[in-house]
Protein backbone atom coordinates (compact mmCIF):
# COMPACT_ATOMS: atom_id res chain seq x y z
CA UNK A 1 0.00 0.00 0.00
CA UNK A 2 2.73 2.47 0.92
CA UNK A 3 5.36 1.48 -1.66
CA UNK A 4 9.01 2.32 -0.95
CA UNK A 5 9.03 4.06 2.44
CA UNK A 6 12.54 5.50 2.10
CA UNK A 7 11.84 7.60 -0.99
CA UNK A 8 10.45 11.11 -1.03
CA UNK A 9 10.97 14.08 1.18
CA UNK A 10 9.36 14.58 4.56
CA UNK A 11 6.44 16.56 3.14
CA UNK A 12 5.57 13.60 0.91
CA UNK A 13 5.76 11.28 3.93
CA UNK A 14 3.52 13.57 5.98
CA UNK A 15 0.93 13.67 3.21
CA UNK A 16 0.97 9.88 3.00
CA UNK A 17 0.55 9.64 6.78
CA UNK A 18 -2.38 12.04 6.60
CA UNK A 19 -4.10 9.90 3.96
CA UNK A 20 -3.55 6.69 5.93
CA UNK A 21 -4.44 8.18 9.33
CA UNK A 22 -8.09 7.21 9.06
CA UNK A 23 -7.18 3.50 8.91
CA UNK A 24 -4.05 3.30 11.08
CA UNK A 25 -2.78 4.97 14.28
CA UNK A 26 -0.65 8.04 13.65
CA UNK A 27 2.05 6.95 16.09
CA UNK A 28 2.55 3.67 14.20
CA UNK A 29 2.63 5.47 10.85
CA UNK A 30 5.20 7.96 12.10
CA UNK A 31 7.39 5.11 13.34
CA UNK A 32 6.98 3.31 10.02
CA UNK A 33 8.00 6.40 8.00
CA UNK A 34 10.76 7.32 10.49
CA UNK A 35 9.40 10.79 11.24
CA UNK A 36 8.45 12.32 14.58
CA UNK A 37 4.85 12.81 15.61
CA UNK A 38 5.59 16.41 16.59
CA UNK A 39 6.98 17.01 13.10
CA UNK A 40 3.81 15.58 11.58
CA UNK A 41 1.57 17.79 13.71
CA UNK A 42 3.76 20.83 12.99
CA UNK A 43 3.37 20.07 9.27
CA UNK A 44 -0.42 20.00 9.63
CA UNK A 45 -0.39 23.28 11.54
CA UNK A 46 1.80 25.26 9.15
CA UNK A 47 0.43 23.81 5.92
CA UNK A 48 -2.45 26.25 5.63
CA UNK A 49 -0.61 29.30 6.93
CA UNK A 50 0.79 31.94 4.60
CA UNK A 51 3.75 33.42 6.46
CA UNK A 52 4.34 36.10 3.85
CA UNK A 53 0.80 37.49 3.67
CA UNK A 54 1.67 40.85 5.29
CA UNK A 55 4.92 41.18 3.35
CA UNK A 56 3.11 40.50 0.07
CA UNK A 57 0.56 43.19 0.83
CA UNK A 58 3.28 45.70 1.67
CA UNK A 59 5.32 44.94 -1.47
CA UNK A 60 2.20 45.24 -3.62
CA UNK A 61 1.29 48.55 -1.93
CA UNK A 62 4.74 50.04 -2.61
CA UNK A 63 4.70 48.68 -6.18
CA UNK A 64 1.34 50.34 -6.88
CA UNK A 65 2.37 53.53 -5.08
CA UNK A 66 5.16 54.03 -7.60
CA UNK A 67 3.05 52.88 -10.58
CA UNK A 68 5.08 49.73 -11.18
CA UNK A 69 8.07 51.64 -12.49
CA UNK A 70 10.66 50.23 -10.08
CA UNK A 71 12.07 46.74 -9.69
CA UNK A 72 12.84 44.70 -6.62
CA UNK A 73 15.99 46.62 -5.65
CA UNK A 74 14.27 50.00 -5.54
CA UNK A 75 11.18 48.54 -3.88
CA UNK A 76 13.42 47.18 -1.14
CA UNK A 77 14.83 50.67 -0.60
CA UNK A 78 11.36 52.25 -0.61
CA UNK A 79 10.19 49.70 1.96
CA UNK A 80 13.04 50.75 4.21
CA UNK A 81 12.75 54.51 3.65
CA UNK A 82 8.98 54.96 3.44
CA UNK A 83 7.73 52.26 5.79
CA UNK A 84 10.74 51.54 8.00
CA UNK A 85 10.64 47.85 7.08
CA UNK A 86 13.89 46.14 6.16
CA UNK A 87 13.40 43.16 3.86
CA UNK A 88 16.05 41.19 2.01
CA UNK A 89 16.16 41.97 -1.72
CA UNK A 90 15.88 38.26 -2.55
CA UNK A 91 12.68 38.02 -0.53
CA UNK A 92 11.27 41.09 -2.31
CA UNK A 93 12.13 39.47 -5.65
CA UNK A 94 10.52 36.17 -4.64
CA UNK A 95 7.35 37.90 -3.44
CA UNK A 96 7.12 39.93 -6.64
CA UNK A 97 7.44 36.71 -8.66
CA UNK A 98 4.74 35.03 -6.59
CA UNK A 99 2.46 38.06 -7.03
CA UNK A 100 3.21 38.15 -10.76
CA UNK A 101 4.42 41.73 -10.79
CA UNK A 102 7.52 43.15 -12.46
CA UNK A 103 8.89 46.58 -13.18
CA UNK A 104 7.97 48.36 -16.38
CA UNK A 105 11.22 48.89 -18.21
CA UNK A 106 11.80 51.19 -21.14
CA UNK A 107 12.41 48.75 -23.95
CA UNK A 108 12.52 51.58 -26.52
CA UNK A 109 15.76 52.99 -25.14
CA UNK A 110 17.68 49.76 -25.56
CA UNK A 111 16.33 49.27 -29.07
CA UNK A 112 17.26 52.78 -30.20
CA UNK A 113 20.68 52.72 -28.60
CA UNK A 114 21.77 49.54 -30.35
CA UNK A 115 21.87 50.99 -33.90
CA UNK A 116 23.70 54.09 -32.64
CA UNK A 117 26.46 51.92 -31.22
CA UNK A 118 26.88 50.13 -34.52
CA UNK A 119 27.08 53.43 -36.41
CA UNK A 120 29.69 54.77 -33.99
CA UNK A 121 31.67 51.56 -34.29
CA UNK A 122 31.73 51.79 -38.08
CA UNK A 123 32.95 55.40 -38.00
CA UNK A 124 35.83 54.59 -35.65
CA UNK A 125 37.06 51.61 -37.70
C-alpha atoms as a PDB file:
ATOM      1  CA  UNK A   1       0.000   0.000   0.000  1.00  0.00           C
ATOM      2  CA  UNK A   2       2.734   2.471   0.916  1.00  0.00           C
ATOM      3  CA  UNK A   3       5.359   1.478  -1.659  1.00  0.00           C
ATOM      4  CA  UNK A   4       9.006   2.323  -0.948  1.00  0.00           C
ATOM      5  CA  UNK A   5       9.033   4.057   2.439  1.00  0.00           C
ATOM      6  CA  UNK A   6      12.542   5.504   2.102  1.00  0.00           C
ATOM      7  CA  UNK A   7      11.844   7.595  -0.992  1.00  0.00           C
ATOM      8  CA  UNK A   8      10.445  11.106  -1.027  1.00  0.00           C
ATOM      9  CA  UNK A   9      10.967  14.079   1.181  1.00  0.00           C
ATOM     10  CA  UNK A  10       9.357  14.582   4.557  1.00  0.00           C
ATOM     11  CA  UNK A  11       6.442  16.558   3.144  1.00  0.00           C
ATOM     12  CA  UNK A  12       5.568  13.598   0.910  1.00  0.00           C
ATOM     13  CA  UNK A  13       5.763  11.279   3.929  1.00  0.00           C
ATOM     14  CA  UNK A  14       3.525  13.574   5.983  1.00  0.00           C
ATOM     15  CA  UNK A  15       0.932  13.672   3.209  1.00  0.00           C
ATOM     16  CA  UNK A  16       0.969   9.881   3.003  1.00  0.00           C
ATOM     17  CA  UNK A  17       0.549   9.643   6.784  1.00  0.00           C
ATOM     18  CA  UNK A  18      -2.383  12.045   6.601  1.00  0.00           C
ATOM     19  CA  UNK A  19      -4.101   9.896   3.964  1.00  0.00           C
ATOM     20  CA  UNK A  20      -3.547   6.691   5.928  1.00  0.00           C
ATOM     21  CA  UNK A  21      -4.437   8.182   9.332  1.00  0.00           C
ATOM     22  CA  UNK A  22      -8.091   7.211   9.059  1.00  0.00           C
ATOM     23  CA  UNK A  23      -7.185   3.504   8.907  1.00  0.00           C
ATOM     24  CA  UNK A  24      -4.047   3.301  11.082  1.00  0.00           C
ATOM     25  CA  UNK A  25      -2.785   4.968  14.276  1.00  0.00           C
ATOM     26  CA  UNK A  26      -0.654   8.043  13.653  1.00  0.00           C
ATOM     27  CA  UNK A  27       2.052   6.953  16.090  1.00  0.00           C
ATOM     28  CA  UNK A  28       2.555   3.673  14.197  1.00  0.00           C
ATOM     29  CA  UNK A  29       2.634   5.469  10.849  1.00  0.00           C
ATOM     30  CA  UNK A  30       5.205   7.964  12.098  1.00  0.00           C
ATOM     31  CA  UNK A  31       7.386   5.108  13.342  1.00  0.00           C
ATOM     32  CA  UNK A  32       6.978   3.307  10.019  1.00  0.00           C
ATOM     33  CA  UNK A  33       7.996   6.400   7.998  1.00  0.00           C
ATOM     34  CA  UNK A  34      10.761   7.318  10.487  1.00  0.00           C
ATOM     35  CA  UNK A  35       9.401  10.785  11.238  1.00  0.00           C
ATOM     36  CA  UNK A  36       8.452  12.316  14.579  1.00  0.00           C
ATOM     37  CA  UNK A  37       4.850  12.811  15.614  1.00  0.00           C
ATOM     38  CA  UNK A  38       5.593  16.405  16.590  1.00  0.00           C
ATOM     39  CA  UNK A  39       6.980  17.006  13.098  1.00  0.00           C
ATOM     40  CA  UNK A  40       3.809  15.582  11.583  1.00  0.00           C
ATOM     41  CA  UNK A  41       1.566  17.794  13.709  1.00  0.00           C
ATOM     42  CA  UNK A  42       3.755  20.832  12.991  1.00  0.00           C
ATOM     43  CA  UNK A  43       3.366  20.069   9.274  1.00  0.00           C
ATOM     44  CA  UNK A  44      -0.425  19.999   9.632  1.00  0.00           C
ATOM     45  CA  UNK A  45      -0.393  23.276  11.543  1.00  0.00           C
ATOM     46  CA  UNK A  46       1.803  25.255   9.153  1.00  0.00           C
ATOM     47  CA  UNK A  47       0.428  23.814   5.917  1.00  0.00           C
ATOM     48  CA  UNK A  48      -2.452  26.254   5.628  1.00  0.00           C
ATOM     49  CA  UNK A  49      -0.608  29.301   6.935  1.00  0.00           C
ATOM     50  CA  UNK A  50       0.792  31.939   4.604  1.00  0.00           C
ATOM     51  CA  UNK A  51       3.747  33.419   6.457  1.00  0.00           C
ATOM     52  CA  UNK A  52       4.344  36.105   3.848  1.00  0.00           C
ATOM     53  CA  UNK A  53       0.803  37.491   3.670  1.00  0.00           C
ATOM     54  CA  UNK A  54       1.672  40.845   5.290  1.00  0.00           C
ATOM     55  CA  UNK A  55       4.922  41.175   3.352  1.00  0.00           C
ATOM     56  CA  UNK A  56       3.114  40.500   0.066  1.00  0.00           C
ATOM     57  CA  UNK A  57       0.560  43.192   0.826  1.00  0.00           C
ATOM     58  CA  UNK A  58       3.281  45.700   1.666  1.00  0.00           C
ATOM     59  CA  UNK A  59       5.321  44.943  -1.470  1.00  0.00           C
ATOM     60  CA  UNK A  60       2.201  45.244  -3.622  1.00  0.00           C
ATOM     61  CA  UNK A  61       1.291  48.550  -1.932  1.00  0.00           C
ATOM     62  CA  UNK A  62       4.741  50.044  -2.612  1.00  0.00           C
ATOM     63  CA  UNK A  63       4.696  48.684  -6.176  1.00  0.00           C
ATOM     64  CA  UNK A  64       1.339  50.341  -6.876  1.00  0.00           C
ATOM     65  CA  UNK A  65       2.366  53.532  -5.075  1.00  0.00           C
ATOM     66  CA  UNK A  66       5.158  54.027  -7.599  1.00  0.00           C
ATOM     67  CA  UNK A  67       3.050  52.884 -10.583  1.00  0.00           C
ATOM     68  CA  UNK A  68       5.076  49.726 -11.178  1.00  0.00           C
ATOM     69  CA  UNK A  69       8.072  51.644 -12.485  1.00  0.00           C
ATOM     70  CA  UNK A  70      10.655  50.232 -10.079  1.00  0.00           C
ATOM     71  CA  UNK A  71      12.074  46.736  -9.693  1.00  0.00           C
ATOM     72  CA  UNK A  72      12.838  44.703  -6.615  1.00  0.00           C
ATOM     73  CA  UNK A  73      15.989  46.618  -5.650  1.00  0.00           C
ATOM     74  CA  UNK A  74      14.271  49.998  -5.542  1.00  0.00           C
ATOM     75  CA  UNK A  75      11.179  48.540  -3.879  1.00  0.00           C
ATOM     76  CA  UNK A  76      13.422  47.176  -1.141  1.00  0.00           C
ATOM     77  CA  UNK A  77      14.832  50.671  -0.602  1.00  0.00           C
ATOM     78  CA  UNK A  78      11.362  52.249  -0.606  1.00  0.00           C
ATOM     79  CA  UNK A  79      10.190  49.699   1.963  1.00  0.00           C
ATOM     80  CA  UNK A  80      13.036  50.746   4.208  1.00  0.00           C
ATOM     81  CA  UNK A  81      12.755  54.512   3.649  1.00  0.00           C
ATOM     82  CA  UNK A  82       8.981  54.965   3.437  1.00  0.00           C
ATOM     83  CA  UNK A  83       7.727  52.258   5.791  1.00  0.00           C
ATOM     84  CA  UNK A  84      10.738  51.538   7.997  1.00  0.00           C
ATOM     85  CA  UNK A  85      10.641  47.849   7.080  1.00  0.00           C
ATOM     86  CA  UNK A  86      13.893  46.144   6.157  1.00  0.00           C
ATOM     87  CA  UNK A  87      13.399  43.160   3.858  1.00  0.00           C
ATOM     88  CA  UNK A  88      16.048  41.189   2.005  1.00  0.00           C
ATOM     89  CA  UNK A  89      16.159  41.968  -1.723  1.00  0.00           C
ATOM     90  CA  UNK A  90      15.881  38.256  -2.547  1.00  0.00           C
ATOM     91  CA  UNK A  91      12.681  38.024  -0.532  1.00  0.00           C
ATOM     92  CA  UNK A  92      11.267  41.088  -2.314  1.00  0.00           C
ATOM     93  CA  UNK A  93      12.129  39.474  -5.652  1.00  0.00           C
ATOM     94  CA  UNK A  94      10.524  36.167  -4.637  1.00  0.00           C
ATOM     95  CA  UNK A  95       7.349  37.900  -3.443  1.00  0.00           C
ATOM     96  CA  UNK A  96       7.124  39.929  -6.643  1.00  0.00           C
ATOM     97  CA  UNK A  97       7.443  36.713  -8.660  1.00  0.00           C
ATOM     98  CA  UNK A  98       4.735  35.033  -6.586  1.00  0.00           C
ATOM     99  CA  UNK A  99       2.457  38.059  -7.033  1.00  0.00           C
ATOM    100  CA  UNK A 100       3.214  38.147 -10.758  1.00  0.00           C
ATOM    101  CA  UNK A 101       4.416  41.733 -10.787  1.00  0.00           C
ATOM    102  CA  UNK A 102       7.518  43.147 -12.461  1.00  0.00           C
ATOM    103  CA  UNK A 103       8.886  46.583 -13.179  1.00  0.00           C
ATOM    104  CA  UNK A 104       7.973  48.363 -16.381  1.00  0.00           C
ATOM    105  CA  UNK A 105      11.217  48.892 -18.211  1.00  0.00           C
ATOM    106  CA  UNK A 106      11.799  51.194 -21.144  1.00  0.00           C
ATOM    107  CA  UNK A 107      12.406  48.750 -23.952  1.00  0.00           C
ATOM    108  CA  UNK A 108      12.517  51.578 -26.525  1.00  0.00           C
ATOM    109  CA  UNK A 109      15.757  52.993 -25.138  1.00  0.00           C
ATOM    110  CA  UNK A 110      17.684  49.755 -25.559  1.00  0.00           C
ATOM    111  CA  UNK A 111      16.327  49.268 -29.071  1.00  0.00           C
ATOM    112  CA  UNK A 112      17.258  52.784 -30.199  1.00  0.00           C
ATOM    113  CA  UNK A 113      20.685  52.723 -28.601  1.00  0.00           C
ATOM    114  CA  UNK A 114      21.772  49.539 -30.351  1.00  0.00           C
ATOM    115  CA  UNK A 115      21.866  50.991 -33.898  1.00  0.00           C
ATOM    116  CA  UNK A 116      23.705  54.085 -32.638  1.00  0.00           C
ATOM    117  CA  UNK A 117      26.458  51.924 -31.215  1.00  0.00           C
ATOM    118  CA  UNK A 118      26.878  50.132 -34.522  1.00  0.00           C
ATOM    119  CA  UNK A 119      27.081  53.435 -36.410  1.00  0.00           C
ATOM    120  CA  UNK A 120      29.686  54.773 -33.988  1.00  0.00           C
ATOM    121  CA  UNK A 121      31.671  51.558 -34.293  1.00  0.00           C
ATOM    122  CA  UNK A 122      31.725  51.790 -38.079  1.00  0.00           C
ATOM    123  CA  UNK A 123      32.954  55.398 -37.999  1.00  0.00           C
ATOM    124  CA  UNK A 124      35.834  54.592 -35.652  1.00  0.00           C
ATOM    125  CA  UNK A 125      37.055  51.613 -37.705  1.00  0.00           C
END
